[in-house]
Amino acid sequence: MLTKIDDKSINELDFVKRGGLIPVVVQDITTKDILMLAYANRAAIENTVKTGNAWFWSVSRNKLWMKGEESGNIQEVKDILVDCDHDSVIYVVNSKNPACHTGNRSCFHNRLYPQ
C-alpha cells in the first residue's frame, strides 16, 4: 500500500481546473524514463494510493482503469509527486514491462521532425 500521500493532500489536488481530471506523468523509478501520460480523477488517485498500482481515468473509454488490467503490464507506484499548482502529478513506478499499448517501453518513442 502506498502511504506517501494522505487524504489532506488528495483534497488539495485541483481537479476542478480541467473538468475533474489531472494529468499524470508516469516515470520509471530506476531509469527515470518518462513512460506515459494519462489522466486521473479523484477515484483513480484514491485507488492508486489504496492499491499501490497505477489507476487512471480513460478519456476514450470514459471509465476508471488500472494500468495492466488487460495487458498484465501493471505499474507498481512507489511515490506520487505533486506539482506546485496541485494540478498534475507524477507516478514514480516500478515498471518491468512495456508501458505503451504498441509494445514499446515508453509511449514516447516517436520523434517530431520539422517539415
N, C-alpha and C. Protein backbone atom coordinates (compact mmCIF):
# COMPACT_ATOMS: atom_id res chain seq x y z
N MET A 1 0.84 -1.18 0.00
CA MET A 1 0.00 0.00 0.00
C MET A 1 0.88 1.25 0.00
N LEU A 2 0.55 2.20 -0.83
CA LEU A 2 1.27 3.46 -0.93
C LEU A 2 0.82 4.38 0.19
N THR A 3 1.75 4.96 0.91
CA THR A 3 1.36 5.79 2.05
C THR A 3 1.95 7.19 2.01
N LYS A 4 2.54 7.59 0.91
CA LYS A 4 3.23 8.87 0.87
C LYS A 4 2.30 10.05 0.60
N ILE A 5 1.05 9.79 0.27
CA ILE A 5 0.09 10.87 0.05
C ILE A 5 -1.12 10.56 0.92
N ASP A 6 -1.60 11.55 1.66
CA ASP A 6 -2.72 11.31 2.56
C ASP A 6 -3.98 12.02 2.06
N ASP A 7 -5.08 11.83 2.79
CA ASP A 7 -6.36 12.42 2.37
C ASP A 7 -6.28 13.93 2.26
N LYS A 8 -5.55 14.56 3.17
CA LYS A 8 -5.41 16.01 3.12
C LYS A 8 -4.77 16.44 1.81
N SER A 9 -3.70 15.77 1.39
CA SER A 9 -3.06 16.18 0.15
C SER A 9 -3.88 15.80 -1.08
N ILE A 10 -4.65 14.70 -1.01
CA ILE A 10 -5.57 14.41 -2.11
C ILE A 10 -6.61 15.53 -2.21
N ASN A 11 -7.09 16.00 -1.07
CA ASN A 11 -8.06 17.09 -1.07
C ASN A 11 -7.49 18.38 -1.63
N GLU A 12 -6.18 18.53 -1.58
CA GLU A 12 -5.54 19.73 -2.10
C GLU A 12 -5.32 19.69 -3.61
N LEU A 13 -5.48 18.52 -4.23
CA LEU A 13 -5.32 18.43 -5.68
C LEU A 13 -6.44 19.19 -6.37
N ASP A 14 -6.09 19.90 -7.45
CA ASP A 14 -7.05 20.74 -8.17
C ASP A 14 -7.66 19.97 -9.34
N PHE A 15 -8.74 19.26 -9.06
CA PHE A 15 -9.44 18.52 -10.10
C PHE A 15 -10.40 19.41 -10.88
N VAL A 16 -10.67 20.60 -10.38
CA VAL A 16 -11.66 21.50 -10.98
C VAL A 16 -11.15 22.13 -12.28
N LYS A 17 -9.89 22.49 -12.31
CA LYS A 17 -9.31 23.24 -13.42
C LYS A 17 -9.53 22.58 -14.78
N ARG A 18 -9.48 21.25 -14.83
CA ARG A 18 -9.61 20.52 -16.10
C ARG A 18 -10.82 19.59 -16.09
N GLY A 19 -11.90 20.05 -15.51
CA GLY A 19 -13.14 19.28 -15.55
C GLY A 19 -13.11 17.97 -14.80
N GLY A 20 -12.41 17.93 -13.68
CA GLY A 20 -12.38 16.73 -12.86
C GLY A 20 -11.18 15.83 -13.09
N LEU A 21 -10.32 16.19 -14.02
CA LEU A 21 -9.15 15.37 -14.35
C LEU A 21 -7.86 16.13 -14.12
N ILE A 22 -6.81 15.39 -13.78
CA ILE A 22 -5.47 15.97 -13.73
C ILE A 22 -4.54 15.09 -14.56
N PRO A 23 -3.54 15.70 -15.23
CA PRO A 23 -2.57 14.91 -15.97
C PRO A 23 -1.66 14.13 -15.02
N VAL A 24 -1.32 12.91 -15.44
CA VAL A 24 -0.41 12.07 -14.67
C VAL A 24 0.73 11.66 -15.60
N VAL A 25 1.94 12.10 -15.26
CA VAL A 25 3.14 11.65 -15.95
C VAL A 25 3.61 10.40 -15.21
N VAL A 26 3.97 9.37 -15.97
CA VAL A 26 4.45 8.13 -15.35
C VAL A 26 5.94 8.01 -15.65
N GLN A 27 6.73 7.89 -14.58
CA GLN A 27 8.19 7.85 -14.69
C GLN A 27 8.73 6.58 -14.05
N ASP A 28 9.67 5.94 -14.73
CA ASP A 28 10.32 4.75 -14.20
C ASP A 28 11.24 5.12 -13.04
N ILE A 29 11.13 4.43 -11.93
CA ILE A 29 11.90 4.75 -10.73
C ILE A 29 13.40 4.54 -10.93
N THR A 30 13.78 3.58 -11.75
CA THR A 30 15.19 3.25 -11.94
C THR A 30 15.84 4.07 -13.04
N THR A 31 15.24 4.07 -14.22
CA THR A 31 15.86 4.74 -15.38
C THR A 31 15.51 6.22 -15.47
N LYS A 32 14.45 6.62 -14.76
CA LYS A 32 13.93 8.00 -14.81
C LYS A 32 13.27 8.31 -16.16
N ASP A 33 13.10 7.30 -17.02
CA ASP A 33 12.42 7.49 -18.31
C ASP A 33 10.97 7.88 -18.08
N ILE A 34 10.46 8.75 -18.94
CA ILE A 34 9.04 9.06 -18.95
C ILE A 34 8.36 7.96 -19.77
N LEU A 35 7.43 7.25 -19.17
CA LEU A 35 6.81 6.11 -19.82
C LEU A 35 5.50 6.45 -20.52
N MET A 36 4.72 7.33 -19.91
CA MET A 36 3.43 7.66 -20.50
C MET A 36 2.83 8.89 -19.83
N LEU A 37 1.80 9.41 -20.45
CA LEU A 37 0.99 10.50 -19.90
C LEU A 37 -0.44 10.03 -19.96
N ALA A 38 -1.15 10.17 -18.86
CA ALA A 38 -2.55 9.79 -18.80
C ALA A 38 -3.27 10.80 -17.91
N TYR A 39 -4.53 10.54 -17.62
CA TYR A 39 -5.31 11.43 -16.77
C TYR A 39 -5.91 10.65 -15.62
N ALA A 40 -6.12 11.34 -14.51
CA ALA A 40 -6.73 10.71 -13.34
C ALA A 40 -7.80 11.62 -12.77
N ASN A 41 -8.85 11.00 -12.28
CA ASN A 41 -9.82 11.73 -11.47
C ASN A 41 -9.53 11.37 -10.01
N ARG A 42 -10.35 11.88 -9.11
CA ARG A 42 -10.11 11.63 -7.69
C ARG A 42 -10.13 10.14 -7.38
N ALA A 43 -11.08 9.41 -7.95
CA ALA A 43 -11.19 7.97 -7.68
C ALA A 43 -9.93 7.23 -8.14
N ALA A 44 -9.36 7.63 -9.27
CA ALA A 44 -8.13 6.99 -9.77
C ALA A 44 -6.98 7.22 -8.80
N ILE A 45 -6.84 8.44 -8.32
CA ILE A 45 -5.77 8.74 -7.34
C ILE A 45 -6.00 7.94 -6.06
N GLU A 46 -7.24 7.92 -5.58
CA GLU A 46 -7.54 7.17 -4.36
C GLU A 46 -7.25 5.68 -4.54
N ASN A 47 -7.63 5.10 -5.68
CA ASN A 47 -7.34 3.69 -5.94
C ASN A 47 -5.84 3.43 -6.02
N THR A 48 -5.11 4.36 -6.61
CA THR A 48 -3.65 4.22 -6.70
C THR A 48 -3.03 4.20 -5.32
N VAL A 49 -3.46 5.12 -4.46
CA VAL A 49 -2.93 5.18 -3.09
C VAL A 49 -3.30 3.91 -2.33
N LYS A 50 -4.53 3.46 -2.49
CA LYS A 50 -5.02 2.30 -1.74
C LYS A 50 -4.36 0.99 -2.19
N THR A 51 -4.18 0.81 -3.50
CA THR A 51 -3.67 -0.47 -4.02
C THR A 51 -2.18 -0.49 -4.29
N GLY A 52 -1.58 0.69 -4.51
CA GLY A 52 -0.17 0.75 -4.87
C GLY A 52 0.07 0.51 -6.35
N ASN A 53 -1.00 0.33 -7.13
CA ASN A 53 -0.90 0.17 -8.58
C ASN A 53 -1.46 1.42 -9.27
N ALA A 54 -0.97 1.68 -10.47
CA ALA A 54 -1.36 2.89 -11.21
C ALA A 54 -2.79 2.77 -11.75
N TRP A 55 -3.63 3.71 -11.36
CA TRP A 55 -5.01 3.82 -11.85
C TRP A 55 -5.16 5.14 -12.58
N PHE A 56 -6.02 5.15 -13.60
CA PHE A 56 -6.26 6.33 -14.42
C PHE A 56 -7.73 6.44 -14.78
N TRP A 57 -8.08 7.56 -15.39
CA TRP A 57 -9.40 7.72 -16.00
C TRP A 57 -9.18 7.68 -17.50
N SER A 58 -9.82 6.72 -18.16
CA SER A 58 -9.71 6.61 -19.61
C SER A 58 -10.68 7.59 -20.26
N VAL A 59 -10.13 8.60 -20.90
CA VAL A 59 -10.95 9.60 -21.59
C VAL A 59 -11.66 8.97 -22.78
N SER A 60 -10.98 8.10 -23.50
CA SER A 60 -11.58 7.50 -24.70
C SER A 60 -12.67 6.48 -24.35
N ARG A 61 -12.49 5.76 -23.24
CA ARG A 61 -13.47 4.74 -22.84
C ARG A 61 -14.44 5.24 -21.77
N ASN A 62 -14.15 6.44 -21.25
CA ASN A 62 -14.99 7.06 -20.23
C ASN A 62 -15.19 6.15 -19.02
N LYS A 63 -14.04 5.63 -18.52
CA LYS A 63 -14.11 4.74 -17.36
C LYS A 63 -12.79 4.71 -16.59
N LEU A 64 -12.90 4.31 -15.35
CA LEU A 64 -11.74 4.11 -14.48
C LEU A 64 -11.05 2.82 -14.89
N TRP A 65 -9.71 2.84 -14.92
CA TRP A 65 -8.97 1.61 -15.27
C TRP A 65 -7.63 1.54 -14.56
N MET A 66 -7.24 0.33 -14.25
CA MET A 66 -5.92 0.09 -13.68
C MET A 66 -4.99 -0.29 -14.82
N LYS A 67 -3.85 0.36 -14.89
CA LYS A 67 -2.86 0.04 -15.91
C LYS A 67 -2.47 -1.43 -15.78
N GLY A 68 -2.59 -2.15 -16.87
CA GLY A 68 -2.22 -3.56 -16.90
C GLY A 68 -3.36 -4.52 -16.63
N GLU A 69 -4.57 -3.99 -16.39
CA GLU A 69 -5.68 -4.90 -16.10
C GLU A 69 -5.99 -5.83 -17.27
N GLU A 70 -5.71 -5.40 -18.48
CA GLU A 70 -5.91 -6.26 -19.66
C GLU A 70 -4.59 -6.83 -20.17
N SER A 71 -3.54 -6.01 -20.19
CA SER A 71 -2.25 -6.43 -20.76
C SER A 71 -1.38 -7.20 -19.78
N GLY A 72 -1.62 -7.03 -18.50
CA GLY A 72 -0.76 -7.63 -17.49
C GLY A 72 0.45 -6.76 -17.15
N ASN A 73 0.59 -5.61 -17.84
CA ASN A 73 1.73 -4.70 -17.61
C ASN A 73 1.41 -3.72 -16.48
N ILE A 74 1.24 -4.26 -15.30
CA ILE A 74 0.88 -3.47 -14.12
C ILE A 74 2.05 -2.59 -13.71
N GLN A 75 1.74 -1.37 -13.31
CA GLN A 75 2.77 -0.44 -12.83
C GLN A 75 2.61 -0.27 -11.32
N GLU A 76 3.63 -0.70 -10.59
CA GLU A 76 3.65 -0.56 -9.15
C GLU A 76 4.13 0.85 -8.80
N VAL A 77 3.27 1.64 -8.16
CA VAL A 77 3.59 3.03 -7.84
C VAL A 77 4.37 3.09 -6.54
N LYS A 78 5.56 3.68 -6.61
CA LYS A 78 6.42 3.79 -5.44
C LYS A 78 6.33 5.15 -4.77
N ASP A 79 5.92 6.16 -5.54
CA ASP A 79 5.80 7.52 -5.00
C ASP A 79 4.87 8.31 -5.91
N ILE A 80 4.25 9.33 -5.36
CA ILE A 80 3.44 10.27 -6.14
C ILE A 80 3.96 11.66 -5.83
N LEU A 81 4.39 12.35 -6.87
CA LEU A 81 4.90 13.71 -6.72
C LEU A 81 3.83 14.67 -7.25
N VAL A 82 3.59 15.74 -6.51
CA VAL A 82 2.57 16.73 -6.87
C VAL A 82 3.25 18.02 -7.27
N ASP A 83 2.80 18.61 -8.38
CA ASP A 83 3.43 19.86 -8.82
C ASP A 83 3.01 21.03 -7.93
N CYS A 84 3.67 22.17 -8.13
CA CYS A 84 3.48 23.34 -7.27
C CYS A 84 2.07 23.92 -7.32
N ASP A 85 1.34 23.72 -8.41
CA ASP A 85 -0.04 24.22 -8.52
C ASP A 85 -1.07 23.19 -8.09
N HIS A 86 -0.63 22.02 -7.68
CA HIS A 86 -1.50 20.91 -7.26
C HIS A 86 -2.49 20.49 -8.35
N ASP A 87 -2.07 20.63 -9.64
CA ASP A 87 -2.99 20.27 -10.72
C ASP A 87 -2.42 19.23 -11.67
N SER A 88 -1.30 18.61 -11.31
CA SER A 88 -0.76 17.48 -12.05
C SER A 88 0.16 16.70 -11.12
N VAL A 89 0.35 15.41 -11.46
CA VAL A 89 1.18 14.56 -10.61
C VAL A 89 2.09 13.69 -11.46
N ILE A 90 3.09 13.15 -10.79
CA ILE A 90 3.96 12.13 -11.39
C ILE A 90 3.79 10.86 -10.56
N TYR A 91 3.48 9.77 -11.24
CA TYR A 91 3.56 8.45 -10.60
C TYR A 91 4.96 7.94 -10.87
N VAL A 92 5.74 7.72 -9.82
CA VAL A 92 7.05 7.10 -9.94
C VAL A 92 6.82 5.61 -9.76
N VAL A 93 7.13 4.84 -10.82
CA VAL A 93 6.71 3.44 -10.83
C VAL A 93 7.87 2.47 -11.02
N ASN A 94 7.63 1.26 -10.56
CA ASN A 94 8.49 0.14 -10.87
C ASN A 94 7.82 -0.54 -12.06
N SER A 95 8.42 -0.41 -13.23
CA SER A 95 7.79 -0.91 -14.46
C SER A 95 8.72 -1.90 -15.14
N LYS A 96 8.36 -3.16 -15.07
CA LYS A 96 9.19 -4.21 -15.67
C LYS A 96 8.79 -4.49 -17.12
N ASN A 97 7.59 -4.09 -17.51
CA ASN A 97 7.03 -4.40 -18.82
C ASN A 97 6.79 -3.13 -19.63
N PRO A 98 6.51 -3.27 -20.92
CA PRO A 98 6.23 -2.10 -21.74
C PRO A 98 5.04 -1.30 -21.20
N ALA A 99 5.16 0.01 -21.26
CA ALA A 99 4.05 0.87 -20.83
C ALA A 99 3.09 1.15 -21.98
N CYS A 100 3.59 1.12 -23.20
CA CYS A 100 2.81 1.51 -24.36
C CYS A 100 2.02 0.33 -24.93
N HIS A 101 0.81 0.61 -25.40
CA HIS A 101 -0.02 -0.45 -25.99
C HIS A 101 0.58 -0.99 -27.29
N THR A 102 1.58 -0.28 -27.86
CA THR A 102 2.24 -0.75 -29.08
C THR A 102 3.31 -1.79 -28.79
N GLY A 103 3.62 -1.97 -27.50
CA GLY A 103 4.68 -2.90 -27.11
C GLY A 103 6.00 -2.20 -26.82
N ASN A 104 6.07 -0.90 -27.07
CA ASN A 104 7.27 -0.13 -26.76
C ASN A 104 7.34 0.13 -25.26
N ARG A 105 8.55 0.25 -24.75
CA ARG A 105 8.73 0.52 -23.33
C ARG A 105 8.05 1.80 -22.91
N SER A 106 8.16 2.84 -23.71
CA SER A 106 7.57 4.14 -23.43
C SER A 106 6.61 4.52 -24.54
N CYS A 107 5.58 5.26 -24.20
CA CYS A 107 4.67 5.79 -25.21
C CYS A 107 5.36 6.88 -26.04
N PHE A 108 6.45 7.42 -25.51
CA PHE A 108 7.18 8.49 -26.19
C PHE A 108 8.34 7.90 -26.99
N HIS A 109 8.00 7.19 -28.05
CA HIS A 109 9.02 6.54 -28.88
C HIS A 109 9.09 7.13 -30.29
N ASN A 110 8.31 8.16 -30.56
CA ASN A 110 8.34 8.84 -31.86
C ASN A 110 9.01 10.20 -31.72
N ARG A 111 9.69 10.62 -32.75
CA ARG A 111 10.31 11.95 -32.77
C ARG A 111 9.55 12.84 -33.73
N LEU A 112 9.44 14.10 -33.37
CA LEU A 112 8.83 15.09 -34.25
C LEU A 112 9.94 15.78 -35.02
N TYR A 113 9.86 15.70 -36.33
CA TYR A 113 10.86 16.35 -37.18
C TYR A 113 10.22 17.52 -37.89
N PRO A 114 10.95 18.65 -38.01
CA PRO A 114 10.39 19.79 -38.73
C PRO A 114 10.23 19.44 -40.20
N GLN A 115 9.22 20.02 -40.83
CA GLN A 115 8.97 19.75 -42.25
C GLN A 115 9.81 20.65 -43.12
